[in-house]
Amino acid sequence: MSLSINPDEMGVQDSSRLQQLWEVALLGNATAAPRPPEATDEVAVAPLTVVSGSLGAGARSAQDGLAVVQTADSAYGDVASLLRRMDLIAALCGAATPLSPTAQSALQAKFEDLQVEVQRIQAAASWKGLDVLAGHDLTFKDGPATEDNVTLDGATTLTPVDVSDASVADPSSVTAALESVQGKRADLAVAKDRLTEGLRAFGAVEQQVGVPFPRQNDVPGAGLSLLL
């Protein structure tokens, strides 16, 4: 597999040298050692700068992807805890042993408070100004190759659960929401593994190229690195 490169557009006259460096960076093809530059260091520096910038953007995308996954998973973890409490309250209110009116009223009020908090936590989940649980597909790089992308599905993984119609008398939507959250967190765990492996792949390429990629903190005001 080879990549077509136009050396004239990149200001590099030695096309074979550029092609070798590019393949080492993107494909891990380090078997054929690049020949040393014949004239000046300009031949070596120019292509490495391009490679570093391109893959650096990919590495930042993977880092942002991990941050989004962690943000979503943290929100879902909090929501799951609240849903379990709601389920317990509903069980207490529906127990065979009747509760006093005061206890029943207090539990009902707590159930409704938790209901509101579930929605608030999901709406507040954000990263770099992006509403993470807004139901949008989000795609990030999970490796240096063109096809190395991971997509977080908006319709399933990044859609908030809704328990607005739940009640202590009918907590069925709470149970369904808890099952849904567990599935979403499983999807996020898979994405996290892929993005983590992707960052390792970027690191391996970085070692081969010998030029450090710019990280998130190296780029002032850097926004979210999404593939749109």
Protein backbone atom coordinates (compact mmCIF):
# COMPACT_ATOMS: atom_id res chain seq x y z
CA MET A 1 0.00 0.00 0.00
CA SER A 2 1.42 3.37 -1.00
CA LEU A 3 0.27 6.95 -0.72
CA SER A 4 0.33 9.43 -3.55
CA ILE A 5 2.19 12.60 -2.57
CA ASN A 6 2.92 15.71 -4.60
CA PRO A 7 6.33 16.96 -3.39
CA ASP A 8 6.05 20.23 -5.34
CA GLU A 9 2.99 21.26 -3.31
CA MET A 10 4.89 20.63 -0.07
CA GLY A 11 8.07 22.43 -1.04
CA VAL A 12 10.19 19.28 -1.01
CA GLN A 13 12.18 18.32 -4.07
CA ASP A 14 13.13 14.76 -3.07
CA SER A 15 9.87 12.84 -3.68
CA SER A 16 11.25 9.39 -2.80
CA ARG A 17 12.54 10.71 0.54
CA LEU A 18 9.15 12.26 1.34
CA GLN A 19 7.30 9.10 0.30
CA GLN A 20 9.47 6.97 2.61
CA LEU A 21 8.98 9.24 5.61
CA TRP A 22 5.25 9.46 5.02
CA GLU A 23 4.86 5.68 4.81
CA VAL A 24 6.91 5.19 7.98
CA ALA A 25 4.63 7.63 9.81
CA LEU A 26 1.25 6.43 8.53
CA LEU A 27 1.81 2.77 7.73
CA GLY A 28 4.54 1.75 10.17
CA ASN A 29 6.67 0.62 7.21
CA ALA A 30 10.07 1.02 8.79
CA THR A 31 11.72 -1.95 7.02
CA ALA A 32 13.34 0.19 4.37
CA ALA A 33 15.55 2.79 6.02
CA PRO A 34 15.25 6.22 4.37
CA ARG A 35 18.42 7.36 2.71
CA PRO A 36 20.12 10.42 4.26
CA PRO A 37 19.44 13.79 2.66
CA GLU A 38 21.96 14.78 0.06
CA ALA A 39 21.86 18.53 0.36
CA THR A 40 20.54 20.17 3.50
CA ASP A 41 18.38 19.41 6.53
CA GLU A 42 15.52 21.16 4.75
CA VAL A 43 14.62 17.93 2.98
CA ALA A 44 14.19 16.05 6.29
CA VAL A 45 12.52 18.78 8.32
CA ALA A 46 9.77 19.76 5.91
CA PRO A 47 8.01 16.37 5.55
CA LEU A 48 8.37 15.59 9.26
CA THR A 49 6.61 18.82 10.12
CA VAL A 50 3.69 17.90 7.89
CA VAL A 51 3.49 14.37 9.30
CA SER A 52 3.65 15.60 12.88
CA GLY A 53 0.90 18.17 12.34
CA SER A 54 -1.45 15.71 10.62
CA LEU A 55 -1.04 12.92 13.14
CA GLY A 56 -1.01 15.39 16.00
CA ALA A 57 -4.54 16.39 15.05
CA GLY A 58 -5.52 12.72 15.05
CA ALA A 59 -3.99 12.19 18.48
CA ARG A 60 -5.86 15.21 19.84
CA SER A 61 -9.07 13.80 18.36
CA ALA A 62 -8.49 10.53 20.22
CA GLN A 63 -7.80 12.45 23.44
CA ASP A 64 -11.01 14.44 23.02
CA GLY A 65 -12.88 11.23 22.28
CA LEU A 66 -11.66 9.74 25.56
CA ALA A 67 -12.73 12.87 27.43
CA VAL A 68 -16.20 12.74 25.86
CA VAL A 69 -16.53 9.04 26.72
CA GLN A 70 -15.48 9.70 30.32
CA THR A 71 -17.89 12.63 30.60
CA ALA A 72 -20.80 10.57 29.31
CA ASP A 73 -19.93 7.57 31.45
CA SER A 74 -19.62 9.70 34.58
CA ALA A 75 -23.04 11.24 33.95
CA TYR A 76 -24.61 7.84 33.32
CA GLY A 77 -22.97 6.48 36.46
CA ASP A 78 -24.58 9.23 38.54
CA VAL A 79 -27.90 8.70 36.80
CA ALA A 80 -27.77 4.96 37.49
CA SER A 81 -27.34 5.64 41.21
CA LEU A 82 -30.36 7.94 41.21
CA LEU A 83 -32.46 5.45 39.27
CA ARG A 84 -31.71 2.74 41.82
CA ARG A 85 -32.85 5.05 44.60
CA MET A 86 -36.04 5.82 42.69
CA ASP A 87 -36.66 2.12 42.20
CA LEU A 88 -36.16 1.52 45.93
CA ILE A 89 -38.56 4.31 46.86
CA ALA A 90 -41.19 2.86 44.54
CA ALA A 91 -40.70 -0.55 46.16
CA LEU A 92 -41.10 0.93 49.64
CA CYS A 93 -44.25 2.79 48.66
CA GLY A 94 -45.71 -0.35 47.10
CA ALA A 95 -44.78 -2.67 49.97
CA ALA A 96 -47.43 -4.81 51.60
CA THR A 97 -46.95 -3.01 54.89
CA PRO A 98 -48.62 0.38 54.50
CA LEU A 99 -46.65 3.54 55.27
CA SER A 100 -47.90 6.44 57.29
CA PRO A 101 -49.21 9.39 55.25
CA THR A 102 -46.20 11.43 56.35
CA ALA A 103 -43.72 8.79 55.21
CA GLN A 104 -45.60 8.25 51.95
CA SER A 105 -45.58 11.98 51.23
CA ALA A 106 -41.87 12.32 52.03
CA LEU A 107 -40.94 9.42 49.76
CA GLN A 108 -43.12 10.77 46.97
CA ALA A 109 -41.39 14.17 47.22
CA LYS A 110 -37.96 12.52 47.19
CA PHE A 111 -38.88 10.45 44.15
CA GLU A 112 -39.85 13.60 42.27
CA ASP A 113 -36.63 15.37 43.32
CA LEU A 114 -34.57 12.48 41.98
CA GLN A 115 -36.61 12.53 38.79
CA VAL A 116 -35.63 16.14 38.18
CA GLU A 117 -32.00 15.47 39.09
CA VAL A 118 -31.75 12.67 36.52
CA GLN A 119 -32.69 15.09 33.76
CA ARG A 120 -30.42 17.85 35.11
CA ILE A 121 -27.32 15.65 35.24
CA GLN A 122 -27.77 14.50 31.66
CA ALA A 123 -28.40 18.02 30.37
CA ALA A 124 -25.29 19.30 32.17
CA ALA A 125 -22.93 16.71 30.68
CA SER A 126 -20.64 18.72 28.38
CA TRP A 127 -17.07 18.85 27.10
CA LYS A 128 -15.52 21.96 25.52
CA GLY A 129 -18.95 23.47 25.04
CA LEU A 130 -20.44 20.34 23.46
CA ASP A 131 -23.61 18.87 24.97
CA VAL A 132 -22.42 15.28 25.15
CA LEU A 133 -25.82 13.64 25.71
CA ALA A 134 -27.74 15.56 23.07
CA GLY A 135 -28.29 12.60 20.76
CA HIS A 136 -25.68 13.53 18.13
CA ASP A 137 -23.31 11.09 16.43
CA LEU A 138 -19.72 11.93 17.38
CA THR A 139 -16.75 10.50 15.47
CA PHE A 140 -13.13 10.53 16.64
CA LYS A 141 -9.83 9.10 15.42
CA ASP A 142 -8.76 5.88 17.07
CA GLY A 143 -5.60 5.31 15.07
CA PRO A 144 -3.30 6.88 12.44
CA ALA A 145 -4.83 5.19 9.38
CA THR A 146 -7.57 6.92 7.38
CA GLU A 147 -10.14 4.29 8.30
CA ASP A 148 -9.28 4.34 12.01
CA ASN A 149 -12.40 6.08 13.31
CA VAL A 150 -14.79 5.35 16.15
CA THR A 151 -18.32 6.75 16.21
CA LEU A 152 -20.40 7.22 19.33
CA ASP A 153 -23.96 6.63 18.20
CA GLY A 154 -26.25 9.50 19.08
CA ALA A 155 -29.47 7.52 18.73
CA THR A 156 -28.40 4.89 21.25
CA THR A 157 -25.27 5.63 23.27
CA LEU A 158 -25.55 9.42 23.58
CA THR A 159 -29.30 9.82 24.02
CA PRO A 160 -30.46 10.73 27.56
CA VAL A 161 -32.86 8.43 29.34
CA ASP A 162 -36.30 9.84 30.13
CA VAL A 163 -38.12 9.08 33.38
CA SER A 164 -40.42 12.09 33.32
CA ASP A 165 -43.51 9.87 33.25
CA ALA A 166 -42.39 7.63 36.13
CA SER A 167 -44.25 7.52 39.44
CA VAL A 168 -44.02 5.57 42.66
CA ALA A 169 -47.14 3.74 41.57
CA ASP A 170 -45.68 2.83 38.18
CA PRO A 171 -41.87 2.81 38.15
CA SER A 172 -41.61 0.71 34.97
CA SER A 173 -39.86 3.50 33.06
CA VAL A 174 -37.26 3.70 35.84
CA THR A 175 -36.44 0.02 35.41
CA ALA A 176 -36.26 0.43 31.63
CA ALA A 177 -34.02 3.49 32.00
CA LEU A 178 -31.64 1.63 34.30
CA GLU A 179 -31.30 -1.20 31.78
CA SER A 180 -30.73 1.36 29.01
CA VAL A 181 -28.00 3.12 31.00
CA GLN A 182 -26.21 -0.17 31.56
CA GLY A 183 -26.21 -0.80 27.81
CA LYS A 184 -24.95 2.72 27.08
CA ARG A 185 -22.10 2.32 29.55
CA ALA A 186 -21.13 -0.99 27.93
CA ASP A 187 -20.96 0.78 24.54
CA LEU A 188 -18.83 3.53 26.06
CA ALA A 189 -16.46 0.96 27.57
CA VAL A 190 -15.86 -0.51 24.10
CA ALA A 191 -15.21 2.96 22.65
CA LYS A 192 -12.86 3.77 25.51
CA ASP A 193 -10.78 0.65 24.79
CA ARG A 194 -10.56 1.53 21.09
CA LEU A 195 -9.55 5.14 21.75
CA THR A 196 -6.96 4.07 24.31
CA GLU A 197 -5.43 1.63 21.82
CA GLY A 198 -5.56 4.38 19.21
CA LEU A 199 -3.51 6.69 21.39
CA ARG A 200 -0.94 3.92 21.82
CA ALA A 201 -0.78 3.61 18.03
CA PHE A 202 -0.23 7.35 17.67
CA GLY A 203 2.53 7.10 20.27
CA ALA A 204 4.22 4.32 18.32
CA VAL A 205 4.17 6.40 15.16
CA GLU A 206 5.50 9.37 17.11
CA GLN A 207 8.51 7.30 18.17
CA GLN A 208 9.15 6.22 14.59
CA VAL A 209 8.95 9.73 13.22
CA GLY A 210 10.99 11.18 16.06
CA VAL A 211 8.99 14.42 16.33
CA PRO A 212 6.54 14.95 19.23
CA PHE A 213 2.94 15.58 18.25
CA PRO A 214 1.33 18.75 19.63
CA ARG A 215 -1.00 17.83 22.49
CA GLN A 216 -4.18 19.57 23.59
CA ASN A 217 -2.30 21.79 26.02
CA ASP A 218 0.16 22.75 23.29
CA VAL A 219 -2.52 24.43 21.20
CA PRO A 220 -3.96 27.56 22.87
CA GLY A 221 -7.71 27.79 22.56
CA ALA A 222 -7.97 24.41 20.83
CA GLY A 223 -11.56 23.32 20.35
CA LEU A 224 -13.04 19.86 20.22
CA SER A 225 -11.36 17.66 17.58
CA LEU A 226 -14.32 16.03 15.84
CA LEU A 227 -14.55 14.40 12.44
CA LEU A 228 -17.64 15.96 10.91
